[in-house]
Amino acid sequence: MVTLSPRTVSDHVALAEIELCGELMIAASAAIGERLSADRIDEVLDVKVTAERTTVPRQAEQRG
């Protein structure tokens, strides 16, 4: 018998990480060449780099 525990914050973090890894794998499989460029990885992960700092949107913001 499997006992399920209530979801915790770390569950949400783990699911977000799995989702991002999936997005990277999809991009890598569609890429021409052996590797994704750093710019393409930033684009897939929706990372915004400015002169002052790097921002990454939260998963909840992307889902609406």
PDB file of N, CA and C in Angstrom:
ATOM      1  N   MET A   1       0.839  -1.174   0.000  1.00  0.00           N
ATOM      2  CA  MET A   1       0.000   0.000   0.000  1.00  0.00           C
ATOM      3  C   MET A   1       0.891   1.247   0.000  1.00  0.00           C
ATOM      4  N   VAL A   2       0.514   2.230  -0.789  1.00  0.00           N
ATOM      5  CA  VAL A   2       1.256   3.473  -0.890  1.00  0.00           C
ATOM      6  C   VAL A   2       0.526   4.544  -0.104  1.00  0.00           C
ATOM      7  N   THR A   3       1.265   5.228   0.753  1.00  0.00           N
ATOM      8  CA  THR A   3       0.690   6.332   1.507  1.00  0.00           C
ATOM      9  C   THR A   3       1.148   7.631   0.859  1.00  0.00           C
ATOM     10  N   LEU A   4       0.181   8.440   0.466  1.00  0.00           N
ATOM     11  CA  LEU A   4       0.507   9.708  -0.166  1.00  0.00           C
ATOM     12  C   LEU A   4       0.527  10.806   0.879  1.00  0.00           C
ATOM     13  N   SER A   5       1.579  11.600   0.847  1.00  0.00           N
ATOM     14  CA  SER A   5       1.679  12.720   1.777  1.00  0.00           C
ATOM     15  C   SER A   5       1.129  13.968   1.106  1.00  0.00           C
ATOM     16  N   PRO A   6       0.721  14.949   1.894  1.00  0.00           N
ATOM     17  CA  PRO A   6       0.246  16.193   1.287  1.00  0.00           C
ATOM     18  C   PRO A   6       1.368  16.871   0.522  1.00  0.00           C
ATOM     19  N   ARG A   7       0.998  17.628  -0.511  1.00  0.00           N
ATOM     20  CA  ARG A   7       2.005  18.347  -1.304  1.00  0.00           C
ATOM     21  C   ARG A   7       2.690  19.397  -0.448  1.00  0.00           C
ATOM     22  N   THR A   8       3.953  19.552  -0.698  1.00  0.00           N
ATOM     23  CA  THR A   8       4.725  20.566   0.012  1.00  0.00           C
ATOM     24  C   THR A   8       5.314  21.528  -1.001  1.00  0.00           C
ATOM     25  N   VAL A   9       5.937  22.570  -0.511  1.00  0.00           N
ATOM     26  CA  VAL A   9       6.567  23.545  -1.399  1.00  0.00           C
ATOM     27  C   VAL A   9       7.604  22.867  -2.281  1.00  0.00           C
ATOM     28  N   SER A  10       8.360  21.939  -1.722  1.00  0.00           N
ATOM     29  CA  SER A  10       9.393  21.275  -2.516  1.00  0.00           C
ATOM     30  C   SER A  10       8.785  20.467  -3.661  1.00  0.00           C
ATOM     31  N   ASP A  11       7.552  19.976  -3.493  1.00  0.00           N
ATOM     32  CA  ASP A  11       6.889  19.280  -4.594  1.00  0.00           C
ATOM     33  C   ASP A  11       6.667  20.230  -5.762  1.00  0.00           C
ATOM     34  N   HIS A  12       6.258  21.442  -5.485  1.00  0.00           N
ATOM     35  CA  HIS A  12       6.021  22.422  -6.541  1.00  0.00           C
ATOM     36  C   HIS A  12       7.330  22.789  -7.233  1.00  0.00           C
ATOM     37  N   VAL A  13       8.376  22.915  -6.459  1.00  0.00           N
ATOM     38  CA  VAL A  13       9.691  23.232  -7.024  1.00  0.00           C
ATOM     39  C   VAL A  13      10.158  22.090  -7.907  1.00  0.00           C
ATOM     40  N   ALA A  14      10.013  20.875  -7.433  1.00  0.00           N
ATOM     41  CA  ALA A  14      10.434  19.703  -8.211  1.00  0.00           C
ATOM     42  C   ALA A  14       9.640  19.607  -9.511  1.00  0.00           C
ATOM     43  N   LEU A  15       8.335  19.836  -9.457  1.00  0.00           N
ATOM     44  CA  LEU A  15       7.524  19.777 -10.665  1.00  0.00           C
ATOM     45  C   LEU A  15       7.916  20.871 -11.659  1.00  0.00           C
ATOM     46  N   ALA A  16       8.229  22.055 -11.153  1.00  0.00           N
ATOM     47  CA  ALA A  16       8.677  23.144 -12.031  1.00  0.00           C
ATOM     48  C   ALA A  16      10.002  22.791 -12.692  1.00  0.00           C
ATOM     49  N   GLU A  17      10.917  22.192 -11.938  1.00  0.00           N
ATOM     50  CA  GLU A  17      12.204  21.786 -12.493  1.00  0.00           C
ATOM     51  C   GLU A  17      12.029  20.709 -13.563  1.00  0.00           C
ATOM     52  N   ILE A  18      11.141  19.768 -13.313  1.00  0.00           N
ATOM     53  CA  ILE A  18      10.878  18.708 -14.290  1.00  0.00           C
ATOM     54  C   ILE A  18      10.304  19.310 -15.565  1.00  0.00           C
ATOM     55  N   GLU A  19       9.394  20.264 -15.414  1.00  0.00           N
ATOM     56  CA  GLU A  19       8.803  20.929 -16.574  1.00  0.00           C
ATOM     57  C   GLU A  19       9.865  21.664 -17.392  1.00  0.00           C
ATOM     58  N   LEU A  20      10.754  22.379 -16.719  1.00  0.00           N
ATOM     59  CA  LEU A  20      11.817  23.102 -17.415  1.00  0.00           C
ATOM     60  C   LEU A  20      12.775  22.147 -18.124  1.00  0.00           C
ATOM     61  N   CYS A  21      13.094  21.035 -17.483  1.00  0.00           N
ATOM     62  CA  CYS A  21      13.963  20.031 -18.125  1.00  0.00           C
ATOM     63  C   CYS A  21      13.296  19.474 -19.381  1.00  0.00           C
ATOM     64  N   GLY A  22      11.996  19.249 -19.291  1.00  0.00           N
ATOM     65  CA  GLY A  22      11.248  18.778 -20.452  1.00  0.00           C
ATOM     66  C   GLY A  22      11.297  19.771 -21.597  1.00  0.00           C
ATOM     67  N   GLU A  23      11.127  21.047 -21.275  1.00  0.00           N
ATOM     68  CA  GLU A  23      11.197  22.093 -22.295  1.00  0.00           C
ATOM     69  C   GLU A  23      12.573  22.110 -22.954  1.00  0.00           C
ATOM     70  N   LEU A  24      13.622  21.945 -22.151  1.00  0.00           N
ATOM     71  CA  LEU A  24      14.976  21.905 -22.711  1.00  0.00           C
ATOM     72  C   LEU A  24      15.180  20.685 -23.602  1.00  0.00           C
ATOM     73  N   MET A  25      14.645  19.538 -23.207  1.00  0.00           N
ATOM     74  CA  MET A  25      14.792  18.331 -24.025  1.00  0.00           C
ATOM     75  C   MET A  25      14.069  18.483 -25.360  1.00  0.00           C
ATOM     76  N   ILE A  26      12.892  19.094 -25.329  1.00  0.00           N
ATOM     77  CA  ILE A  26      12.150  19.322 -26.574  1.00  0.00           C
ATOM     78  C   ILE A  26      12.942  20.251 -27.485  1.00  0.00           C
ATOM     79  N   ALA A  27      13.475  21.330 -26.921  1.00  0.00           N
ATOM     80  CA  ALA A  27      14.266  22.272 -27.719  1.00  0.00           C
ATOM     81  C   ALA A  27      15.513  21.599 -28.270  1.00  0.00           C
ATOM     82  N   ALA A  28      16.163  20.784 -27.454  1.00  0.00           N
ATOM     83  CA  ALA A  28      17.386  20.114 -27.898  1.00  0.00           C
ATOM     84  C   ALA A  28      17.091  19.124 -29.021  1.00  0.00           C
ATOM     85  N   SER A  29      15.972  18.434 -28.933  1.00  0.00           N
ATOM     86  CA  SER A  29      15.647  17.459 -29.981  1.00  0.00           C
ATOM     87  C   SER A  29      15.300  18.143 -31.297  1.00  0.00           C
ATOM     88  N   ALA A  30      14.834  19.385 -31.238  1.00  0.00           N
ATOM     89  CA  ALA A  30      14.479  20.120 -32.450  1.00  0.00           C
ATOM     90  C   ALA A  30      15.642  20.955 -32.989  1.00  0.00           C
ATOM     91  N   ALA A  31      16.719  21.030 -32.227  1.00  0.00           N
ATOM     92  CA  ALA A  31      17.842  21.894 -32.607  1.00  0.00           C
ATOM     93  C   ALA A  31      18.663  21.287 -33.742  1.00  0.00           C
ATOM     94  N   ILE A  32      19.210  22.171 -34.527  1.00  0.00           N
ATOM     95  CA  ILE A  32      20.159  21.757 -35.563  1.00  0.00           C
ATOM     96  C   ILE A  32      21.553  21.878 -34.946  1.00  0.00           C
ATOM     97  N   GLY A  33      22.321  20.830 -35.022  1.00  0.00           N
ATOM     98  CA  GLY A  33      23.649  20.839 -34.410  1.00  0.00           C
ATOM     99  C   GLY A  33      23.650  20.026 -33.121  1.00  0.00           C
ATOM    100  N   GLU A  34      24.806  20.022 -32.476  1.00  0.00           N
ATOM    101  CA  GLU A  34      24.976  19.185 -31.294  1.00  0.00           C
ATOM    102  C   GLU A  34      24.495  19.818 -30.003  1.00  0.00           C
ATOM    103  N   ARG A  35      24.532  21.134 -29.914  1.00  0.00           N
ATOM    104  CA  ARG A  35      24.234  21.800 -28.648  1.00  0.00           C
ATOM    105  C   ARG A  35      23.325  22.998 -28.848  1.00  0.00           C
ATOM    106  N   LEU A  36      22.606  23.334 -27.770  1.00  0.00           N
ATOM    107  CA  LEU A  36      21.842  24.576 -27.754  1.00  0.00           C
ATOM    108  C   LEU A  36      22.777  25.704 -27.345  1.00  0.00           C
ATOM    109  N   SER A  37      22.626  26.835 -27.964  1.00  0.00           N
ATOM    110  CA  SER A  37      23.425  27.990 -27.566  1.00  0.00           C
ATOM    111  C   SER A  37      22.909  28.513 -26.227  1.00  0.00           C
ATOM    112  N   ALA A  38      23.726  29.278 -25.544  1.00  0.00           N
ATOM    113  CA  ALA A  38      23.303  29.877 -24.274  1.00  0.00           C
ATOM    114  C   ALA A  38      22.095  30.778 -24.491  1.00  0.00           C
ATOM    115  N   ASP A  39      22.070  31.493 -25.614  1.00  0.00           N
ATOM    116  CA  ASP A  39      20.927  32.358 -25.920  1.00  0.00           C
ATOM    117  C   ASP A  39      19.649  31.547 -26.110  1.00  0.00           C
ATOM    118  N   ARG A  40      19.760  30.410 -26.785  1.00  0.00           N
ATOM    119  CA  ARG A  40      18.578  29.559 -27.009  1.00  0.00           C
ATOM    120  C   ARG A  40      18.092  28.970 -25.688  1.00  0.00           C
ATOM    121  N   ILE A  41      19.005  28.568 -24.826  1.00  0.00           N
ATOM    122  CA  ILE A  41      18.617  28.040 -23.514  1.00  0.00           C
ATOM    123  C   ILE A  41      17.883  29.110 -22.718  1.00  0.00           C
ATOM    124  N   ASP A  42      18.405  30.331 -22.726  1.00  0.00           N
ATOM    125  CA  ASP A  42      17.730  31.433 -22.039  1.00  0.00           C
ATOM    126  C   ASP A  42      16.339  31.666 -22.608  1.00  0.00           C
ATOM    127  N   GLU A  43      16.220  31.562 -23.922  1.00  0.00           N
ATOM    128  CA  GLU A  43      14.918  31.751 -24.568  1.00  0.00           C
ATOM    129  C   GLU A  43      13.932  30.652 -24.142  1.00  0.00           C
ATOM    130  N   VAL A  44      14.381  29.403 -24.149  1.00  0.00           N
ATOM    131  CA  VAL A  44      13.517  28.283 -23.761  1.00  0.00           C
ATOM    132  C   VAL A  44      13.078  28.414 -22.306  1.00  0.00           C
ATOM    133  N   LEU A  45      14.008  28.815 -21.441  1.00  0.00           N
ATOM    134  CA  LEU A  45      13.700  28.940 -20.016  1.00  0.00           C
ATOM    135  C   LEU A  45      13.043  30.277 -19.673  1.00  0.00           C
ATOM    136  N   ASP A  46      12.873  31.140 -20.675  1.00  0.00           N
ATOM    137  CA  ASP A  46      12.255  32.457 -20.518  1.00  0.00           C
ATOM    138  C   ASP A  46      13.023  33.306 -19.510  1.00  0.00           C
ATOM    139  N   VAL A  47      14.347  33.304 -19.663  1.00  0.00           N
ATOM    140  CA  VAL A  47      15.225  34.095 -18.797  1.00  0.00           C
ATOM    141  C   VAL A  47      15.471  35.438 -19.464  1.00  0.00           C
ATOM    142  N   LYS A  48      15.327  36.490 -18.714  1.00  0.00           N
ATOM    143  CA  LYS A  48      15.578  37.839 -19.221  1.00  0.00           C
ATOM    144  C   LYS A  48      16.856  38.354 -18.566  1.00  0.00           C
ATOM    145  N   VAL A  49      17.835  38.716 -19.381  1.00  0.00           N
ATOM    146  CA  VAL A  49      19.095  39.229 -18.863  1.00  0.00           C
ATOM    147  C   VAL A  49      19.153  40.723 -19.173  1.00  0.00           C
ATOM    148  N   THR A  50      19.302  41.514 -18.127  1.00  0.00           N
ATOM    149  CA  THR A  50      19.464  42.955 -18.295  1.00  0.00           C
ATOM    150  C   THR A  50      20.852  43.325 -17.782  1.00  0.00           C
ATOM    151  N   ALA A  51      21.218  44.571 -17.943  1.00  0.00           N
ATOM    152  CA  ALA A  51      22.530  45.020 -17.482  1.00  0.00           C
ATOM    153  C   ALA A  51      22.658  44.892 -15.970  1.00  0.00           C
ATOM    154  N   GLU A  52      21.548  44.999 -15.257  1.00  0.00           N
ATOM    155  CA  GLU A  52      21.591  44.991 -13.796  1.00  0.00           C
ATOM    156  C   GLU A  52      21.412  43.605 -13.186  1.00  0.00           C
ATOM    157  N   ARG A  53      20.511  42.783 -13.774  1.00  0.00           N
ATOM    158  CA  ARG A  53      20.247  41.488 -13.154  1.00  0.00           C
ATOM    159  C   ARG A  53      19.564  40.542 -14.118  1.00  0.00           C
ATOM    160  N   THR A  54      19.472  39.291 -13.718  1.00  0.00           N
ATOM    161  CA  THR A  54      18.784  38.266 -14.482  1.00  0.00           C
ATOM    162  C   THR A  54      17.470  37.958 -13.799  1.00  0.00           C
ATOM    163  N   THR A  55      16.385  37.895 -14.567  1.00  0.00           N
ATOM    164  CA  THR A  55      15.091  37.569 -13.980  1.00  0.00           C
ATOM    165  C   THR A  55      14.520  36.326 -14.644  1.00  0.00           C
ATOM    166  N   VAL A  56      13.891  35.517 -13.838  1.00  0.00           N
ATOM    167  CA  VAL A  56      13.234  34.312 -14.317  1.00  0.00           C
ATOM    168  C   VAL A  56      11.803  34.364 -13.821  1.00  0.00           C
ATOM    169  N   PRO A  57      10.821  34.253 -14.720  1.00  0.00           N
ATOM    170  CA  PRO A  57       9.432  34.323 -14.265  1.00  0.00           C
ATOM    171  C   PRO A  57       9.047  33.100 -13.455  1.00  0.00           C
ATOM    172  N   ARG A  58       8.161  33.281 -12.530  1.00  0.00           N
ATOM    173  CA  ARG A  58       7.656  32.160 -11.740  1.00  0.00           C
ATOM    174  C   ARG A  58       6.700  31.341 -12.590  1.00  0.00           C
ATOM    175  N   GLN A  59       6.633  30.033 -12.332  1.00  0.00           N
ATOM    176  CA  GLN A  59       5.781  29.150 -13.117  1.00  0.00           C
ATOM    177  C   GLN A  59       4.313  29.562 -13.060  1.00  0.00           C
ATOM    178  N   ALA A  60       3.840  29.992 -11.920  1.00  0.00           N
ATOM    179  CA  ALA A  60       2.438  30.365 -11.769  1.00  0.00           C
ATOM    180  C   ALA A  60       2.096  31.545 -12.684  1.00  0.00           C
ATOM    181  N   GLU A  61       3.025  32.455 -12.875  1.00  0.00           N
ATOM    182  CA  GLU A  61       2.799  33.609 -13.748  1.00  0.00           C
ATOM    183  C   GLU A  61       2.635  33.179 -15.188  1.00  0.00           C
ATOM    184  N   GLN A  62       3.352  32.137 -15.602  1.00  0.00           N
ATOM    185  CA  GLN A  62       3.266  31.664 -16.971  1.00  0.00           C
ATOM    186  C   GLN A  62       1.959  30.932 -17.229  1.00  0.00           C
ATOM    187  N   ARG A  63       1.432  30.280 -16.231  1.00  0.00           N
ATOM    188  CA  ARG A  63       0.215  29.488 -16.388  1.00  0.00           C
ATOM    189  C   ARG A  63      -1.043  30.342 -16.352  1.00  0.00           C
ATOM    190  N   GLY A  64      -0.927  31.567 -15.824  1.00  0.00           N
ATOM    191  CA  GLY A  64      -2.065  32.481 -15.770  1.00  0.00           C
ATOM    192  C   GLY A  64      -2.883  32.248 -14.635  1.00  0.00           C
TER     193      GLY A  64
END
